[in-house]
N, C-alpha and C. Protein backbone atom coordinates (compact mmCIF):
# COMPACT_ATOMS: atom_id res chain seq x y z
N MET A 1 91.38 93.52 76.72
CA MET A 1 90.27 93.89 75.85
C MET A 1 90.00 95.39 75.89
N ASP A 2 90.07 96.00 77.05
CA ASP A 2 89.84 97.44 77.15
C ASP A 2 90.88 98.22 76.36
N GLU A 3 92.10 97.69 76.27
CA GLU A 3 93.14 98.38 75.52
C GLU A 3 92.73 98.50 74.05
N ASN A 4 92.17 97.45 73.50
CA ASN A 4 91.72 97.49 72.11
C ASN A 4 90.57 98.46 71.91
N ARG A 5 89.71 98.59 72.89
CA ARG A 5 88.58 99.51 72.80
C ARG A 5 89.03 100.95 72.91
N ILE A 6 89.93 101.25 73.83
CA ILE A 6 90.34 102.64 74.01
C ILE A 6 91.11 103.17 72.81
N VAL A 7 91.82 102.31 72.12
CA VAL A 7 92.58 102.73 70.93
C VAL A 7 91.64 103.31 69.89
N LYS A 8 90.41 102.85 69.84
CA LYS A 8 89.44 103.33 68.85
C LYS A 8 88.53 104.42 69.41
N ASP A 9 88.75 104.83 70.63
CA ASP A 9 87.87 105.80 71.28
C ASP A 9 88.42 107.23 71.14
N GLU A 10 87.65 108.18 71.57
CA GLU A 10 88.02 109.59 71.55
C GLU A 10 88.97 109.88 72.72
N PHE A 11 90.03 110.65 72.47
CA PHE A 11 90.98 110.98 73.53
C PHE A 11 90.84 112.40 74.05
N ILE A 12 90.29 113.30 73.25
CA ILE A 12 90.15 114.70 73.69
C ILE A 12 89.21 114.73 74.89
N GLY A 13 89.68 115.38 75.95
CA GLY A 13 88.93 115.47 77.20
C GLY A 13 89.26 114.38 78.19
N ARG A 14 90.05 113.42 77.79
CA ARG A 14 90.40 112.29 78.65
C ARG A 14 91.67 112.60 79.44
N HIS A 15 91.71 112.16 80.70
CA HIS A 15 92.89 112.33 81.54
C HIS A 15 93.97 111.34 81.09
N VAL A 16 95.22 111.82 81.03
CA VAL A 16 96.32 110.98 80.56
C VAL A 16 97.55 111.22 81.44
N LYS A 17 98.35 110.18 81.57
CA LYS A 17 99.64 110.27 82.25
C LYS A 17 100.68 109.59 81.38
N ILE A 18 101.83 110.21 81.23
CA ILE A 18 102.89 109.64 80.41
C ILE A 18 103.73 108.73 81.31
N LYS A 19 103.72 107.44 81.00
CA LYS A 19 104.43 106.46 81.82
C LYS A 19 105.88 106.30 81.40
N GLU A 20 106.14 106.30 80.10
CA GLU A 20 107.50 106.15 79.57
C GLU A 20 107.63 107.12 78.40
N CYS A 21 108.86 107.62 78.20
CA CYS A 21 109.08 108.54 77.09
C CYS A 21 110.57 108.59 76.76
N THR A 22 110.89 108.80 75.50
CA THR A 22 112.30 108.95 75.13
C THR A 22 112.89 110.24 75.68
N ASP A 23 112.03 111.23 75.97
CA ASP A 23 112.47 112.47 76.61
C ASP A 23 112.10 112.38 78.09
N PRO A 24 113.09 112.22 78.98
CA PRO A 24 112.79 112.00 80.39
C PRO A 24 112.04 113.15 81.06
N THR A 25 112.02 114.33 80.49
CA THR A 25 111.29 115.45 81.11
C THR A 25 109.78 115.26 81.00
N PHE A 26 109.32 114.37 80.12
CA PHE A 26 107.89 114.12 79.97
C PHE A 26 107.39 112.98 80.86
N VAL A 27 108.25 112.16 81.40
CA VAL A 27 107.82 111.02 82.22
C VAL A 27 107.06 111.54 83.44
N ASN A 28 105.92 110.93 83.71
CA ASN A 28 105.01 111.25 84.81
C ASN A 28 104.26 112.56 84.65
N VAL A 29 104.34 113.19 83.48
CA VAL A 29 103.50 114.37 83.22
C VAL A 29 102.07 113.87 83.05
N SER A 30 101.14 114.57 83.67
CA SER A 30 99.74 114.17 83.53
C SER A 30 98.88 115.41 83.31
N GLY A 31 97.74 115.19 82.71
CA GLY A 31 96.83 116.28 82.42
C GLY A 31 95.69 115.79 81.55
N THR A 32 95.07 116.73 80.85
CA THR A 32 93.93 116.44 79.99
C THR A 32 94.31 116.65 78.54
N VAL A 33 93.96 115.71 77.69
CA VAL A 33 94.21 115.84 76.26
C VAL A 33 93.24 116.91 75.73
N ILE A 34 93.81 117.99 75.15
CA ILE A 34 92.95 119.05 74.62
C ILE A 34 92.97 119.13 73.10
N ASP A 35 93.93 118.44 72.46
CA ASP A 35 93.97 118.39 71.01
C ASP A 35 94.75 117.16 70.58
N GLU A 36 94.44 116.67 69.39
CA GLU A 36 95.13 115.49 68.87
C GLU A 36 95.31 115.65 67.38
N THR A 37 96.51 115.31 66.91
CA THR A 37 96.78 115.22 65.48
C THR A 37 97.19 113.78 65.20
N LYS A 38 97.56 113.52 63.97
CA LYS A 38 97.99 112.16 63.61
C LYS A 38 99.16 111.70 64.48
N ASN A 39 100.11 112.59 64.74
CA ASN A 39 101.35 112.21 65.41
C ASN A 39 101.52 112.76 66.82
N THR A 40 100.64 113.63 67.29
CA THR A 40 100.85 114.27 68.59
C THR A 40 99.58 114.38 69.42
N PHE A 41 99.80 114.53 70.73
CA PHE A 41 98.77 114.94 71.66
C PHE A 41 99.17 116.30 72.24
N LEU A 42 98.21 117.17 72.45
CA LEU A 42 98.44 118.41 73.19
C LEU A 42 97.78 118.20 74.56
N ILE A 43 98.61 118.23 75.60
CA ILE A 43 98.15 117.93 76.96
C ILE A 43 98.20 119.19 77.79
N GLU A 44 97.09 119.50 78.46
CA GLU A 44 97.04 120.64 79.35
C GLU A 44 97.34 120.15 80.77
N THR A 45 98.46 120.64 81.32
CA THR A 45 98.83 120.29 82.69
C THR A 45 98.37 121.42 83.59
N LYS A 46 98.75 121.39 84.85
CA LYS A 46 98.33 122.41 85.79
C LYS A 46 98.76 123.81 85.37
N ASP A 47 99.99 123.94 84.87
CA ASP A 47 100.52 125.28 84.59
C ASP A 47 100.74 125.62 83.13
N LYS A 48 100.70 124.63 82.22
CA LYS A 48 100.92 124.95 80.82
C LYS A 48 100.44 123.82 79.92
N GLN A 49 100.66 124.01 78.63
CA GLN A 49 100.31 123.00 77.64
C GLN A 49 101.58 122.39 77.08
N LYS A 50 101.55 121.08 76.85
CA LYS A 50 102.71 120.38 76.31
C LYS A 50 102.26 119.53 75.14
N ARG A 51 103.02 119.60 74.05
CA ARG A 51 102.75 118.77 72.87
C ARG A 51 103.77 117.63 72.88
N ILE A 52 103.27 116.41 72.74
CA ILE A 52 104.14 115.26 72.78
C ILE A 52 103.86 114.35 71.58
N ALA A 53 104.92 113.86 70.98
CA ALA A 53 104.79 112.93 69.86
C ALA A 53 104.30 111.58 70.39
N LYS A 54 103.34 111.01 69.71
CA LYS A 54 102.75 109.75 70.15
C LYS A 54 103.76 108.61 70.12
N ASN A 55 104.60 108.56 69.08
CA ASN A 55 105.51 107.43 68.93
C ASN A 55 106.68 107.42 69.90
N THR A 56 106.83 108.46 70.72
CA THR A 56 107.94 108.52 71.66
C THR A 56 107.54 108.12 73.07
N ALA A 57 106.26 107.80 73.30
CA ALA A 57 105.81 107.62 74.68
C ALA A 57 104.84 106.45 74.83
N THR A 58 104.67 106.06 76.09
CA THR A 58 103.64 105.12 76.51
C THR A 58 102.71 105.89 77.43
N PHE A 59 101.42 105.81 77.16
CA PHE A 59 100.43 106.62 77.86
C PHE A 59 99.55 105.75 78.75
N GLU A 60 99.11 106.34 79.86
CA GLU A 60 98.14 105.68 80.74
C GLU A 60 96.88 106.53 80.75
N PHE A 61 95.78 105.94 80.32
CA PHE A 61 94.50 106.63 80.26
C PHE A 61 93.56 106.05 81.29
N GLU A 62 92.66 106.89 81.81
CA GLU A 62 91.58 106.41 82.65
C GLU A 62 90.42 106.08 81.72
N TYR A 63 89.96 104.82 81.79
CA TYR A 63 88.92 104.36 80.88
C TYR A 63 87.97 103.46 81.64
N LYS A 64 86.75 103.89 81.77
CA LYS A 64 85.70 103.14 82.47
C LYS A 64 86.14 102.70 83.85
N GLY A 65 86.76 103.63 84.58
CA GLY A 65 87.18 103.36 85.96
C GLY A 65 88.47 102.58 86.10
N LYS A 66 89.12 102.27 85.00
CA LYS A 66 90.38 101.51 85.03
C LYS A 66 91.48 102.36 84.42
N LYS A 67 92.70 102.00 84.74
CA LYS A 67 93.86 102.65 84.14
C LYS A 67 94.40 101.69 83.07
N ILE A 68 94.43 102.18 81.84
CA ILE A 68 94.84 101.38 80.69
C ILE A 68 96.10 101.98 80.10
N THR A 69 97.14 101.16 79.91
CA THR A 69 98.40 101.62 79.34
C THR A 69 98.45 101.24 77.86
N VAL A 70 98.82 102.23 77.03
CA VAL A 70 98.85 102.03 75.59
C VAL A 70 100.14 102.63 75.03
N LYS A 71 100.84 101.88 74.21
CA LYS A 71 102.02 102.41 73.52
C LYS A 71 101.55 103.42 72.47
N GLY A 72 102.23 104.55 72.42
CA GLY A 72 101.85 105.60 71.48
C GLY A 72 101.91 105.18 70.04
N SER A 73 102.77 104.23 69.72
CA SER A 73 102.87 103.76 68.33
C SER A 73 101.56 103.13 67.84
N ARG A 74 100.71 102.67 68.75
CA ARG A 74 99.40 102.11 68.36
C ARG A 74 98.39 103.19 68.04
N LEU A 75 98.73 104.45 68.34
CA LEU A 75 97.78 105.54 68.20
C LEU A 75 98.09 106.46 67.03
N ILE A 76 99.08 106.11 66.21
CA ILE A 76 99.52 107.00 65.14
C ILE A 76 98.59 106.88 63.94
N TYR A 77 97.46 107.53 64.07
CA TYR A 77 96.47 107.68 63.02
C TYR A 77 95.82 109.04 63.20
N ARG A 78 95.25 109.57 62.14
CA ARG A 78 94.42 110.75 62.32
C ARG A 78 93.24 110.31 63.18
N PRO A 79 92.77 111.17 64.07
CA PRO A 79 91.69 110.75 64.98
C PRO A 79 90.49 110.16 64.23
N GLU A 80 90.12 110.74 63.12
CA GLU A 80 88.96 110.24 62.38
C GLU A 80 89.22 108.92 61.68
N ASP A 81 90.48 108.56 61.43
CA ASP A 81 90.82 107.31 60.79
C ASP A 81 91.09 106.18 61.80
N ARG A 82 91.45 106.53 63.01
CA ARG A 82 91.84 105.54 64.00
C ARG A 82 90.72 104.53 64.28
N ILE A 83 89.49 104.98 64.25
CA ILE A 83 88.35 104.11 64.53
C ILE A 83 88.31 102.95 63.54
N LYS A 84 88.66 103.20 62.29
CA LYS A 84 88.62 102.16 61.26
C LYS A 84 89.89 101.32 61.21
N LYS A 85 91.04 101.95 61.47
CA LYS A 85 92.32 101.29 61.19
C LYS A 85 93.02 100.68 62.40
N ALA A 86 92.83 101.22 63.57
CA ALA A 86 93.57 100.76 64.74
C ALA A 86 93.24 99.30 65.06
N ARG A 87 94.27 98.60 65.52
CA ARG A 87 94.09 97.18 65.88
C ARG A 87 94.56 96.92 67.27
């Protein structure tokens, strides 16, 4: 149930960890989401910023004290449209 709620929630400012990715250099990268577009997240890590395509990865977010894993393909909406369209 929390997975369905987080899909419709705001991601900017939320801590994220990349669990799986088609590009192995992104696996286990973690940081804070500082920007979001329809197809990408911009994540600030300790030393730099990384932009990652949503449809290439599975993300783990901290949400209400729990760790929730979400496939990036479920997040491919403009942030303002995701609240209405995401399922």
